[in-house]
Amino acid sequence: MLQQQHTILAVDDEPANLRLLERLLRHDYRVVTATNGDEALAVLRREKVSLIITDQRMPGMTGTELLRKSRTLDPDMVRMVVTANTDADTFIDAIKNSGAIRVINKPWDPDKVLDLVRNALEKYEVLVGNKQAINQLKQTNADLGRAIKRQ
């Protein structure tokens, strides 16, 4: 069960594919779009995005290159890549080197994509929640340590 409104960044150089993703996801999530890697990175620099879903083959920057670059902006963001290319190198690059949690083959099934997104965002919430709890515990420990030293 999702606790917050998530923003999803959909990236594809084909407007029809962006419209399909946007129509699929907009009822449950805020969807922003970009038509290339540079535009997507600009969006990521100005907005908090929970999940990025990108096409692999785009001019200028591949989807896996975009995902690699996005890791420096937000290491916790969920990453997925969509591809018609089924060679193993694409899968390995996407998962191992780019931090993608899923490679979605074209043509994709809308219900399956929606389920993948929901599941991924539930895990994202747990991850972010755990990090916040750890940071709170660290702060509490530091406060207690200072209090003990003052006594």
N, C-alpha and C. Protein backbone atom coordinates (compact mmCIF):
# COMPACT_ATOMS: atom_id res chain seq x y z
N MET A 1 0.84 -1.17 0.00
CA MET A 1 0.00 0.00 0.00
C MET A 1 0.89 1.24 0.00
N LEU A 2 0.75 2.07 -1.00
CA LEU A 2 1.60 3.25 -1.14
C LEU A 2 1.15 4.33 -0.16
N GLN A 3 2.14 4.97 0.46
CA GLN A 3 1.88 5.97 1.48
C GLN A 3 1.91 7.40 0.95
N GLN A 4 2.56 7.62 -0.17
CA GLN A 4 2.76 8.99 -0.63
C GLN A 4 2.51 9.10 -2.13
N GLN A 5 2.36 10.33 -2.58
CA GLN A 5 2.23 10.58 -4.02
C GLN A 5 3.63 10.51 -4.62
N HIS A 6 3.81 9.65 -5.57
CA HIS A 6 5.11 9.49 -6.22
C HIS A 6 5.12 10.19 -7.56
N THR A 7 6.30 10.68 -7.92
CA THR A 7 6.52 11.23 -9.25
C THR A 7 7.32 10.22 -10.06
N ILE A 8 6.84 9.94 -11.25
CA ILE A 8 7.50 9.03 -12.16
C ILE A 8 7.97 9.83 -13.37
N LEU A 9 9.22 9.62 -13.75
CA LEU A 9 9.77 10.24 -14.94
C LEU A 9 9.80 9.20 -16.05
N ALA A 10 9.06 9.45 -17.12
CA ALA A 10 9.05 8.58 -18.31
C ALA A 10 9.91 9.25 -19.38
N VAL A 11 10.83 8.47 -19.96
CA VAL A 11 11.76 9.03 -20.95
C VAL A 11 11.71 8.17 -22.20
N ASP A 12 11.41 8.80 -23.32
CA ASP A 12 11.38 8.10 -24.61
C ASP A 12 11.41 9.16 -25.70
N ASP A 13 12.12 8.87 -26.78
CA ASP A 13 12.18 9.82 -27.89
C ASP A 13 10.97 9.72 -28.81
N GLU A 14 10.12 8.74 -28.59
CA GLU A 14 8.91 8.58 -29.39
C GLU A 14 7.70 9.08 -28.60
N PRO A 15 7.09 10.19 -29.04
CA PRO A 15 5.97 10.78 -28.31
C PRO A 15 4.82 9.80 -28.04
N ALA A 16 4.55 8.91 -28.97
CA ALA A 16 3.44 7.96 -28.77
C ALA A 16 3.71 7.06 -27.57
N ASN A 17 4.94 6.63 -27.39
CA ASN A 17 5.28 5.79 -26.24
C ASN A 17 5.15 6.57 -24.93
N LEU A 18 5.55 7.83 -24.94
CA LEU A 18 5.40 8.67 -23.74
C LEU A 18 3.93 8.83 -23.38
N ARG A 19 3.11 9.06 -24.40
CA ARG A 19 1.67 9.22 -24.13
C ARG A 19 1.08 7.94 -23.55
N LEU A 20 1.49 6.77 -24.06
CA LEU A 20 1.00 5.50 -23.52
C LEU A 20 1.37 5.34 -22.05
N LEU A 21 2.63 5.60 -21.73
CA LEU A 21 3.07 5.48 -20.34
C LEU A 21 2.35 6.48 -19.45
N GLU A 22 2.22 7.69 -19.94
CA GLU A 22 1.56 8.72 -19.14
C GLU A 22 0.10 8.36 -18.87
N ARG A 23 -0.61 7.90 -19.89
CA ARG A 23 -2.02 7.50 -19.69
C ARG A 23 -2.13 6.33 -18.72
N LEU A 24 -1.18 5.41 -18.79
CA LEU A 24 -1.21 4.24 -17.91
C LEU A 24 -0.99 4.61 -16.45
N LEU A 25 -0.09 5.55 -16.19
CA LEU A 25 0.36 5.83 -14.83
C LEU A 25 -0.27 7.04 -14.17
N ARG A 26 -0.85 7.94 -14.93
CA ARG A 26 -1.28 9.23 -14.39
C ARG A 26 -2.42 9.16 -13.38
N HIS A 27 -3.16 8.07 -13.36
CA HIS A 27 -4.28 7.96 -12.42
C HIS A 27 -3.79 7.73 -10.99
N ASP A 28 -2.64 7.09 -10.86
CA ASP A 28 -2.11 6.77 -9.53
C ASP A 28 -0.87 7.57 -9.16
N TYR A 29 -0.24 8.19 -10.14
CA TYR A 29 1.04 8.86 -9.89
C TYR A 29 1.11 10.17 -10.65
N ARG A 30 2.02 11.02 -10.21
CA ARG A 30 2.34 12.23 -10.98
C ARG A 30 3.38 11.79 -12.01
N VAL A 31 3.13 12.09 -13.26
CA VAL A 31 4.02 11.66 -14.34
C VAL A 31 4.61 12.89 -15.02
N VAL A 32 5.94 12.90 -15.11
CA VAL A 32 6.63 13.92 -15.90
C VAL A 32 7.35 13.19 -17.02
N THR A 33 7.58 13.88 -18.12
CA THR A 33 8.18 13.21 -19.27
C THR A 33 9.39 13.97 -19.79
N ALA A 34 10.23 13.23 -20.51
CA ALA A 34 11.38 13.81 -21.19
C ALA A 34 11.58 13.02 -22.48
N THR A 35 12.11 13.69 -23.50
CA THR A 35 12.28 13.02 -24.79
C THR A 35 13.71 12.59 -25.07
N ASN A 36 14.62 12.87 -24.12
CA ASN A 36 16.01 12.41 -24.28
C ASN A 36 16.71 12.44 -22.93
N GLY A 37 17.92 11.91 -22.91
CA GLY A 37 18.65 11.79 -21.66
C GLY A 37 18.99 13.12 -21.01
N ASP A 38 19.44 14.08 -21.79
CA ASP A 38 19.80 15.38 -21.23
C ASP A 38 18.59 16.08 -20.60
N GLU A 39 17.47 16.00 -21.29
CA GLU A 39 16.23 16.59 -20.76
C GLU A 39 15.82 15.89 -19.47
N ALA A 40 15.98 14.57 -19.43
CA ALA A 40 15.65 13.80 -18.23
C ALA A 40 16.54 14.20 -17.05
N LEU A 41 17.83 14.36 -17.30
CA LEU A 41 18.75 14.77 -16.23
C LEU A 41 18.38 16.15 -15.70
N ALA A 42 17.95 17.05 -16.57
CA ALA A 42 17.51 18.37 -16.13
C ALA A 42 16.29 18.26 -15.22
N VAL A 43 15.36 17.38 -15.57
CA VAL A 43 14.19 17.15 -14.71
C VAL A 43 14.63 16.63 -13.35
N LEU A 44 15.56 15.67 -13.35
CA LEU A 44 16.01 15.07 -12.09
C LEU A 44 16.74 16.08 -11.20
N ARG A 45 17.37 17.07 -11.80
CA ARG A 45 18.07 18.08 -11.01
C ARG A 45 17.10 19.03 -10.31
N ARG A 46 15.90 19.18 -10.84
CA ARG A 46 14.96 20.13 -10.24
C ARG A 46 13.78 19.49 -9.52
N GLU A 47 13.58 18.18 -9.69
CA GLU A 47 12.43 17.53 -9.08
C GLU A 47 12.82 16.23 -8.37
N LYS A 48 12.08 15.91 -7.32
CA LYS A 48 12.24 14.64 -6.63
C LYS A 48 11.42 13.60 -7.39
N VAL A 49 12.10 12.60 -7.90
CA VAL A 49 11.46 11.54 -8.69
C VAL A 49 11.66 10.21 -7.95
N SER A 50 10.59 9.46 -7.80
CA SER A 50 10.68 8.16 -7.13
C SER A 50 11.12 7.05 -8.08
N LEU A 51 10.68 7.17 -9.35
CA LEU A 51 10.95 6.11 -10.32
C LEU A 51 11.18 6.72 -11.69
N ILE A 52 12.19 6.21 -12.38
CA ILE A 52 12.44 6.59 -13.77
C ILE A 52 12.28 5.35 -14.62
N ILE A 53 11.54 5.50 -15.70
CA ILE A 53 11.37 4.41 -16.65
C ILE A 53 11.76 4.97 -18.02
N THR A 54 12.79 4.39 -18.61
CA THR A 54 13.36 4.95 -19.83
C THR A 54 13.49 3.92 -20.94
N ASP A 55 13.31 4.40 -22.15
CA ASP A 55 13.59 3.59 -23.32
C ASP A 55 15.10 3.41 -23.42
N GLN A 56 15.54 2.31 -23.96
CA GLN A 56 16.98 2.06 -24.11
C GLN A 56 17.55 2.81 -25.30
N ARG A 57 16.93 2.66 -26.45
CA ARG A 57 17.49 3.25 -27.67
C ARG A 57 16.92 4.63 -27.93
N MET A 58 17.76 5.62 -27.67
CA MET A 58 17.39 7.01 -27.94
C MET A 58 18.62 7.69 -28.52
N PRO A 59 18.43 8.71 -29.34
CA PRO A 59 19.58 9.43 -29.88
C PRO A 59 20.31 10.20 -28.77
N GLY A 60 21.62 10.23 -28.87
CA GLY A 60 22.43 11.02 -27.94
C GLY A 60 22.86 10.29 -26.69
N MET A 61 21.94 9.62 -26.03
CA MET A 61 22.24 8.93 -24.78
C MET A 61 21.30 7.75 -24.65
N THR A 62 21.87 6.57 -24.42
CA THR A 62 21.02 5.39 -24.24
C THR A 62 20.34 5.44 -22.88
N GLY A 63 19.33 4.62 -22.73
CA GLY A 63 18.65 4.53 -21.44
C GLY A 63 19.57 4.10 -20.32
N THR A 64 20.46 3.14 -20.59
CA THR A 64 21.36 2.68 -19.53
C THR A 64 22.37 3.77 -19.16
N GLU A 65 22.80 4.56 -20.14
CA GLU A 65 23.69 5.69 -19.82
C GLU A 65 22.96 6.69 -18.93
N LEU A 66 21.71 6.97 -19.26
CA LEU A 66 20.90 7.88 -18.45
C LEU A 66 20.77 7.35 -17.02
N LEU A 67 20.48 6.07 -16.89
CA LEU A 67 20.32 5.50 -15.55
C LEU A 67 21.61 5.59 -14.75
N ARG A 68 22.74 5.33 -15.40
CA ARG A 68 24.04 5.45 -14.71
C ARG A 68 24.25 6.88 -14.20
N LYS A 69 23.97 7.85 -15.05
CA LYS A 69 24.15 9.25 -14.66
C LYS A 69 23.16 9.66 -13.57
N SER A 70 21.97 9.09 -13.59
CA SER A 70 20.95 9.44 -12.60
C SER A 70 21.31 8.96 -11.20
N ARG A 71 22.14 7.95 -11.12
CA ARG A 71 22.52 7.41 -9.81
C ARG A 71 23.23 8.44 -8.95
N THR A 72 24.00 9.34 -9.57
CA THR A 72 24.69 10.36 -8.79
C THR A 72 23.73 11.41 -8.26
N LEU A 73 22.60 11.59 -8.92
CA LEU A 73 21.62 12.58 -8.49
C LEU A 73 20.72 12.04 -7.38
N ASP A 74 20.37 10.76 -7.46
CA ASP A 74 19.52 10.14 -6.43
C ASP A 74 19.74 8.63 -6.45
N PRO A 75 20.61 8.15 -5.57
CA PRO A 75 20.90 6.72 -5.58
C PRO A 75 19.72 5.83 -5.19
N ASP A 76 18.72 6.38 -4.50
CA ASP A 76 17.59 5.57 -4.06
C ASP A 76 16.47 5.45 -5.08
N MET A 77 16.45 6.33 -6.06
CA MET A 77 15.39 6.31 -7.07
C MET A 77 15.34 4.95 -7.76
N VAL A 78 14.15 4.46 -8.02
CA VAL A 78 13.96 3.19 -8.71
C VAL A 78 14.18 3.41 -10.20
N ARG A 79 14.88 2.45 -10.84
CA ARG A 79 15.22 2.58 -12.25
C ARG A 79 14.73 1.37 -13.04
N MET A 80 14.09 1.65 -14.19
CA MET A 80 13.65 0.61 -15.11
C MET A 80 13.99 1.03 -16.52
N VAL A 81 14.26 0.05 -17.37
CA VAL A 81 14.56 0.33 -18.77
C VAL A 81 13.65 -0.50 -19.65
N VAL A 82 13.17 0.11 -20.73
CA VAL A 82 12.31 -0.57 -21.70
C VAL A 82 13.12 -0.75 -22.98
N THR A 83 13.07 -1.96 -23.53
CA THR A 83 13.87 -2.22 -24.73
C THR A 83 13.21 -3.25 -25.63
N ALA A 84 13.45 -3.11 -26.93
CA ALA A 84 13.07 -4.14 -27.89
C ALA A 84 14.25 -5.07 -28.14
N ASN A 85 15.41 -4.65 -27.67
CA ASN A 85 16.64 -5.42 -27.84
C ASN A 85 16.72 -6.49 -26.75
N THR A 86 16.77 -7.73 -27.14
CA THR A 86 16.76 -8.81 -26.15
C THR A 86 18.13 -9.44 -25.94
N ASP A 87 19.20 -8.78 -26.39
CA ASP A 87 20.51 -9.40 -26.19
C ASP A 87 20.95 -9.29 -24.73
N ALA A 88 21.74 -10.24 -24.30
CA ALA A 88 22.14 -10.36 -22.90
C ALA A 88 22.94 -9.15 -22.44
N ASP A 89 23.75 -8.56 -23.32
CA ASP A 89 24.56 -7.42 -22.92
C ASP A 89 23.70 -6.25 -22.45
N THR A 90 22.58 -6.03 -23.10
CA THR A 90 21.67 -4.95 -22.68
C THR A 90 21.14 -5.22 -21.28
N PHE A 91 20.73 -6.46 -21.02
CA PHE A 91 20.20 -6.81 -19.71
C PHE A 91 21.27 -6.66 -18.64
N ILE A 92 22.46 -7.15 -18.92
CA ILE A 92 23.55 -7.08 -17.94
C ILE A 92 23.91 -5.63 -17.65
N ASP A 93 24.04 -4.83 -18.70
CA ASP A 93 24.37 -3.41 -18.52
C ASP A 93 23.30 -2.70 -17.71
N ALA A 94 22.04 -2.97 -18.02
CA ALA A 94 20.94 -2.30 -17.33
C ALA A 94 20.91 -2.66 -15.84
N ILE A 95 21.07 -3.92 -15.53
CA ILE A 95 20.96 -4.37 -14.14
C ILE A 95 22.25 -4.11 -13.36
N LYS A 96 23.34 -4.59 -13.89
CA LYS A 96 24.61 -4.55 -13.15
C LYS A 96 25.23 -3.15 -13.12
N ASN A 97 25.27 -2.48 -14.25
CA ASN A 97 26.00 -1.22 -14.34
C ASN A 97 25.14 0.02 -14.16
N SER A 98 23.85 -0.10 -14.42
CA SER A 98 22.99 1.09 -14.41
C SER A 98 22.02 1.14 -13.25
N GLY A 99 21.96 0.08 -12.45
CA GLY A 99 21.10 0.09 -11.29
C GLY A 99 19.63 -0.15 -11.58
N ALA A 100 19.32 -0.62 -12.78
CA ALA A 100 17.91 -0.91 -13.09
C ALA A 100 17.46 -2.13 -12.29
N ILE A 101 16.25 -2.05 -11.78
CA ILE A 101 15.71 -3.21 -11.08
C ILE A 101 14.94 -4.12 -12.02
N ARG A 102 14.64 -3.59 -13.21
CA ARG A 102 13.84 -4.36 -14.16
C ARG A 102 14.13 -3.90 -15.59
N VAL A 103 14.20 -4.87 -16.49
CA VAL A 103 14.25 -4.60 -17.92
C VAL A 103 12.92 -5.08 -18.48
N ILE A 104 12.20 -4.17 -19.11
CA ILE A 104 10.88 -4.48 -19.65
C ILE A 104 11.00 -4.61 -21.17
N ASN A 105 10.59 -5.76 -21.68
CA ASN A 105 10.66 -5.99 -23.12
C ASN A 105 9.49 -5.38 -23.85
N LYS A 106 9.78 -4.83 -25.03
CA LYS A 106 8.73 -4.35 -25.93
C LYS A 106 8.28 -5.51 -26.80
N PRO A 107 7.05 -5.57 -27.16
CA PRO A 107 5.97 -4.72 -26.67
C PRO A 107 5.62 -5.10 -25.24
N TRP A 108 5.28 -4.12 -24.42
CA TRP A 108 5.01 -4.38 -23.01
C TRP A 108 3.52 -4.44 -22.74
N ASP A 109 3.20 -5.20 -21.73
CA ASP A 109 1.82 -5.38 -21.30
C ASP A 109 1.49 -4.31 -20.25
N PRO A 110 0.48 -3.48 -20.49
CA PRO A 110 0.17 -2.40 -19.55
C PRO A 110 -0.10 -2.87 -18.12
N ASP A 111 -0.84 -3.96 -17.96
CA ASP A 111 -1.13 -4.45 -16.60
C ASP A 111 0.14 -4.92 -15.90
N LYS A 112 1.03 -5.55 -16.64
CA LYS A 112 2.29 -6.01 -16.04
C LYS A 112 3.16 -4.82 -15.63
N VAL A 113 3.22 -3.81 -16.50
CA VAL A 113 4.02 -2.61 -16.18
C VAL A 113 3.45 -1.93 -14.93
N LEU A 114 2.14 -1.81 -14.85
CA LEU A 114 1.52 -1.19 -13.69
C LEU A 114 1.84 -1.96 -12.42
N ASP A 115 1.78 -3.29 -12.47
CA ASP A 115 2.14 -4.11 -11.32
C ASP A 115 3.61 -3.94 -10.94
N LEU A 116 4.49 -3.91 -11.94
CA LEU A 116 5.92 -3.72 -11.67
C LEU A 116 6.17 -2.38 -10.99
N VAL A 117 5.51 -1.35 -11.48
CA VAL A 117 5.68 -0.01 -10.90
C VAL A 117 5.17 0.01 -9.47
N ARG A 118 3.99 -0.53 -9.23
CA ARG A 118 3.43 -0.56 -7.86
C ARG A 118 4.36 -1.28 -6.90
N ASN A 119 4.81 -2.47 -7.30
CA ASN A 119 5.70 -3.25 -6.44
C ASN A 119 7.01 -2.52 -6.18
N ALA A 120 7.56 -1.93 -7.21
CA ALA A 120 8.83 -1.21 -7.07
C ALA A 120 8.68 -0.03 -6.12
N LEU A 121 7.58 0.69 -6.21
CA LEU A 121 7.39 1.86 -5.35
C LEU A 121 7.10 1.46 -3.91
N GLU A 122 6.47 0.33 -3.70
CA GLU A 122 6.30 -0.17 -2.33
C GLU A 122 7.65 -0.47 -1.70
N LYS A 123 8.54 -1.09 -2.46
CA LYS A 123 9.89 -1.38 -1.95
C LYS A 123 10.67 -0.09 -1.74
N TYR A 124 10.49 0.87 -2.63
CA TYR A 124 11.14 2.17 -2.50
C TYR A 124 10.73 2.83 -1.18
N GLU A 125 9.44 2.79 -0.86
CA GLU A 125 8.97 3.39 0.38
C GLU A 125 9.60 2.74 1.60
N VAL A 126 9.74 1.43 1.56
CA VAL A 126 10.39 0.72 2.67
C VAL A 126 11.84 1.17 2.80
N LEU A 127 12.55 1.22 1.68
CA LEU A 127 13.95 1.63 1.68
C LEU A 127 14.10 3.04 2.23
N VAL A 128 13.32 3.97 1.72
CA VAL A 128 13.41 5.37 2.18
C VAL A 128 13.00 5.47 3.65
N GLY A 129 11.96 4.77 4.03
CA GLY A 129 11.52 4.77 5.42
C GLY A 129 12.59 4.23 6.35
N ASN A 130 13.26 3.16 5.95
CA ASN A 130 14.34 2.59 6.76
C ASN A 130 15.49 3.57 6.89
N LYS A 131 15.85 4.23 5.81
CA LYS A 131 16.94 5.22 5.87
C LYS A 131 16.59 6.37 6.80
N GLN A 132 15.33 6.82 6.76
CA GLN A 132 14.90 7.90 7.65
C GLN A 132 14.96 7.43 9.11
N ALA A 133 14.51 6.21 9.37
CA ALA A 133 14.54 5.68 10.73
C ALA A 133 15.99 5.56 11.24
N ILE A 134 16.89 5.12 10.39
CA ILE A 134 18.30 5.00 10.78
C ILE A 134 18.87 6.39 11.10
N ASN A 135 18.56 7.37 10.27
CA ASN A 135 19.04 8.73 10.52
C ASN A 135 18.49 9.29 11.83
N GLN A 136 17.22 9.00 12.13
CA GLN A 136 16.63 9.44 13.39
C GLN A 136 17.32 8.77 14.57
N LEU A 137 17.61 7.48 14.45
CA LEU A 137 18.30 6.77 15.53
C LEU A 137 19.71 7.32 15.74
N LYS A 138 20.40 7.63 14.66
CA LYS A 138 21.74 8.22 14.77
C LYS A 138 21.67 9.56 15.50
N GLN A 139 20.68 10.37 15.15
CA GLN A 139 20.52 11.67 15.80
C GLN A 139 20.20 11.50 17.28
N THR A 140 19.31 10.57 17.60
CA THR A 140 18.97 10.31 18.99
C THR A 140 20.19 9.84 19.77
N ASN A 141 20.98 8.94 19.18
CA ASN A 141 22.20 8.47 19.84
C ASN A 141 23.17 9.62 20.08
N ALA A 142 23.33 10.50 19.09
CA ALA A 142 24.22 11.65 19.26
C ALA A 142 23.72 12.57 20.37
N ASP A 143 22.41 12.81 20.40
CA ASP A 143 21.82 13.66 21.45
C ASP A 143 22.04 13.04 22.82
N LEU A 144 21.82 11.75 22.93
CA LEU A 144 22.03 11.06 24.21
C LEU A 144 23.49 11.11 24.63
N GLY A 145 24.39 10.92 23.68
CA GLY A 145 25.82 10.99 23.98
C GLY A 145 26.21 12.35 24.52
N ARG A 146 25.68 13.42 23.93
CA ARG A 146 25.97 14.76 24.42
C ARG A 146 25.38 14.99 25.80
N ALA A 147 24.17 14.46 26.02
CA ALA A 147 23.53 14.60 27.33
C ALA A 147 24.32 13.88 28.41
N ILE A 148 24.84 12.72 28.09
CA ILE A 148 25.62 11.95 29.08
C ILE A 148 26.93 12.68 29.39
N LYS A 149 27.55 13.26 28.42
CA LYS A 149 28.81 13.98 28.64
C LYS A 149 28.60 15.21 29.53
N ARG A 150 27.43 15.83 29.43
CA ARG A 150 27.15 17.01 30.25
C ARG A 150 26.93 16.65 31.71
N GLN A 151 26.59 15.43 31.99
CA GLN A 151 26.28 15.04 33.39
C GLN A 151 27.50 14.85 34.21
